[in-house]
Amino acid sequence: MQAHRFPEPQNAREALTQANISARAERLWEDGYTYDTERGIVTSPKGETYQVDILADTCSCAASKHHGDCKHRIAVAKLYNKAESKAA
């Protein structure tokens, strides 16, 4: 499981997109999203659901397919990384 997996940005626009996605991941839970750890489902405040597979580092959302990563996967990875750090 990785915190981030973006490819090296090729230009300023890609770098900005990646920075925006990372920033949105940082505030995902504050924005009202929830995560069902048993099912691996992130649910938006509007009720949209996204399947996040922490072992494969994937998410079912369109942004993940388009940008190579997304706020949902990054936010979930950070949750697990924080939990692992506390357990150690």
C-alpha atoms as a PDB file:
ATOM      1  CA  MET A   1       0.000   0.000   0.000  1.00  0.00           C
ATOM      2  CA  GLN A   2       1.348   3.390  -0.984  1.00  0.00           C
ATOM      3  CA  ALA A   3       0.491   6.886   0.166  1.00  0.00           C
ATOM      4  CA  HIS A   4       0.910   8.187  -3.380  1.00  0.00           C
ATOM      5  CA  ARG A   5       1.710   6.626  -6.724  1.00  0.00           C
ATOM      6  CA  PHE A   6       1.492   9.438  -9.225  1.00  0.00           C
ATOM      7  CA  PRO A   7       3.942   9.279 -12.129  1.00  0.00           C
ATOM      8  CA  GLU A   8       6.497  12.062 -12.368  1.00  0.00           C
ATOM      9  CA  PRO A   9       4.581  15.096 -13.712  1.00  0.00           C
ATOM     10  CA  GLN A  10       5.590  16.046 -17.220  1.00  0.00           C
ATOM     11  CA  ASN A  11       4.499  19.654 -16.976  1.00  0.00           C
ATOM     12  CA  ALA A  12       3.126  22.270 -14.608  1.00  0.00           C
ATOM     13  CA  ARG A  13      -0.483  21.352 -15.355  1.00  0.00           C
ATOM     14  CA  GLU A  14       0.080  17.709 -14.337  1.00  0.00           C
ATOM     15  CA  ALA A  15       1.915  18.819 -11.196  1.00  0.00           C
ATOM     16  CA  LEU A  16      -0.979  21.106 -10.254  1.00  0.00           C
ATOM     17  CA  THR A  17      -3.537  18.339 -10.853  1.00  0.00           C
ATOM     18  CA  GLN A  18      -1.580  15.957  -8.634  1.00  0.00           C
ATOM     19  CA  ALA A  19      -1.219  18.574  -5.911  1.00  0.00           C
ATOM     20  CA  ASN A  20      -4.979  19.282  -6.012  1.00  0.00           C
ATOM     21  CA  ILE A  21      -5.853  15.578  -5.732  1.00  0.00           C
ATOM     22  CA  SER A  22      -3.479  15.176  -2.775  1.00  0.00           C
ATOM     23  CA  ALA A  23      -4.917  18.227  -1.033  1.00  0.00           C
ATOM     24  CA  ARG A  24      -8.447  16.923  -1.518  1.00  0.00           C
ATOM     25  CA  ALA A  25      -7.400  13.570  -0.044  1.00  0.00           C
ATOM     26  CA  GLU A  26      -6.125  15.381   3.055  1.00  0.00           C
ATOM     27  CA  ARG A  27      -9.587  16.782   3.807  1.00  0.00           C
ATOM     28  CA  LEU A  28     -11.742  13.911   2.509  1.00  0.00           C
ATOM     29  CA  TRP A  29     -13.027  12.816   5.934  1.00  0.00           C
ATOM     30  CA  GLU A  30     -13.599  16.419   7.038  1.00  0.00           C
ATOM     31  CA  ASP A  31     -15.704  16.888   3.890  1.00  0.00           C
ATOM     32  CA  GLY A  32     -18.121  14.188   5.093  1.00  0.00           C
ATOM     33  CA  TYR A  33     -16.889  11.087   3.287  1.00  0.00           C
ATOM     34  CA  THR A  34     -17.042   7.789   5.155  1.00  0.00           C
ATOM     35  CA  TYR A  35     -15.148   4.520   4.799  1.00  0.00           C
ATOM     36  CA  ASP A  36     -16.501   1.034   5.409  1.00  0.00           C
ATOM     37  CA  THR A  37     -13.381  -0.951   6.286  1.00  0.00           C
ATOM     38  CA  GLU A  38     -15.151  -4.311   6.016  1.00  0.00           C
ATOM     39  CA  ARG A  39     -16.286  -3.739   2.419  1.00  0.00           C
ATOM     40  CA  GLY A  40     -13.613  -1.290   1.270  1.00  0.00           C
ATOM     41  CA  ILE A  41     -16.221   1.269   0.246  1.00  0.00           C
ATOM     42  CA  VAL A  42     -15.771   5.036   0.408  1.00  0.00           C
ATOM     43  CA  THR A  43     -19.095   6.896   0.389  1.00  0.00           C
ATOM     44  CA  SER A  44     -19.421  10.559  -0.520  1.00  0.00           C
ATOM     45  CA  PRO A  45     -21.780  12.933   1.307  1.00  0.00           C
ATOM     46  CA  LYS A  46     -24.080  12.633  -1.738  1.00  0.00           C
ATOM     47  CA  GLY A  47     -24.208   8.832  -1.416  1.00  0.00           C
ATOM     48  CA  GLU A  48     -21.872   7.966  -4.288  1.00  0.00           C
ATOM     49  CA  THR A  49     -19.759   4.898  -3.536  1.00  0.00           C
ATOM     50  CA  TYR A  50     -16.258   3.926  -4.626  1.00  0.00           C
ATOM     51  CA  GLN A  51     -14.580   0.558  -4.176  1.00  0.00           C
ATOM     52  CA  VAL A  52     -11.054   1.035  -2.822  1.00  0.00           C
ATOM     53  CA  ASP A  53      -8.782  -2.014  -2.875  1.00  0.00           C
ATOM     54  CA  ILE A  54      -5.904  -1.307  -0.495  1.00  0.00           C
ATOM     55  CA  LEU A  55      -3.965  -4.397  -1.557  1.00  0.00           C
ATOM     56  CA  ALA A  56      -4.069  -3.541  -5.256  1.00  0.00           C
ATOM     57  CA  ASP A  57      -3.914   0.242  -4.590  1.00  0.00           C
ATOM     58  CA  THR A  58      -6.918   0.898  -6.822  1.00  0.00           C
ATOM     59  CA  CYS A  59     -10.196   2.797  -6.752  1.00  0.00           C
ATOM     60  CA  SER A  60     -13.268   2.410  -8.939  1.00  0.00           C
ATOM     61  CA  CYS A  61     -13.755   6.161  -9.498  1.00  0.00           C
ATOM     62  CA  ALA A  62     -13.320   7.885 -12.846  1.00  0.00           C
ATOM     63  CA  ALA A  63     -10.539  10.153 -11.548  1.00  0.00           C
ATOM     64  CA  SER A  64      -8.395   7.138 -10.714  1.00  0.00           C
ATOM     65  CA  LYS A  65      -8.723   5.836 -14.252  1.00  0.00           C
ATOM     66  CA  HIS A  66      -8.068   9.276 -15.762  1.00  0.00           C
ATOM     67  CA  HIS A  67      -5.246  10.551 -13.524  1.00  0.00           C
ATOM     68  CA  GLY A  68      -3.683   7.284 -12.351  1.00  0.00           C
ATOM     69  CA  ASP A  69      -4.725   7.889  -8.740  1.00  0.00           C
ATOM     70  CA  CYS A  70      -7.415   9.630  -6.721  1.00  0.00           C
ATOM     71  CA  LYS A  71      -8.323  11.278  -3.446  1.00  0.00           C
ATOM     72  CA  HIS A  72     -10.260   8.214  -2.236  1.00  0.00           C
ATOM     73  CA  ARG A  73      -7.341   5.783  -2.531  1.00  0.00           C
ATOM     74  CA  ILE A  74      -4.837   8.247  -1.090  1.00  0.00           C
ATOM     75  CA  ALA A  75      -7.088   9.067   1.884  1.00  0.00           C
ATOM     76  CA  VAL A  76      -7.677   5.377   2.647  1.00  0.00           C
ATOM     77  CA  ALA A  77      -3.951   4.612   2.318  1.00  0.00           C
ATOM     78  CA  LYS A  78      -3.206   7.404   4.786  1.00  0.00           C
ATOM     79  CA  LEU A  79      -5.732   5.942   7.237  1.00  0.00           C
ATOM     80  CA  TYR A  80      -4.000   2.574   7.121  1.00  0.00           C
ATOM     81  CA  ASN A  81      -0.530   4.087   7.254  1.00  0.00           C
ATOM     82  CA  LYS A  82      -1.534   6.108  10.348  1.00  0.00           C
ATOM     83  CA  ALA A  83      -3.002   2.984  11.999  1.00  0.00           C
ATOM     84  CA  GLU A  84       0.178   0.999  11.253  1.00  0.00           C
ATOM     85  CA  SER A  85       2.333   3.770  12.702  1.00  0.00           C
ATOM     86  CA  LYS A  86       0.312   3.820  15.926  1.00  0.00           C
ATOM     87  CA  ALA A  87       0.491   0.020  16.217  1.00  0.00           C
ATOM     88  CA  ALA A  88       4.291  -0.034  15.851  1.00  0.00           C
END
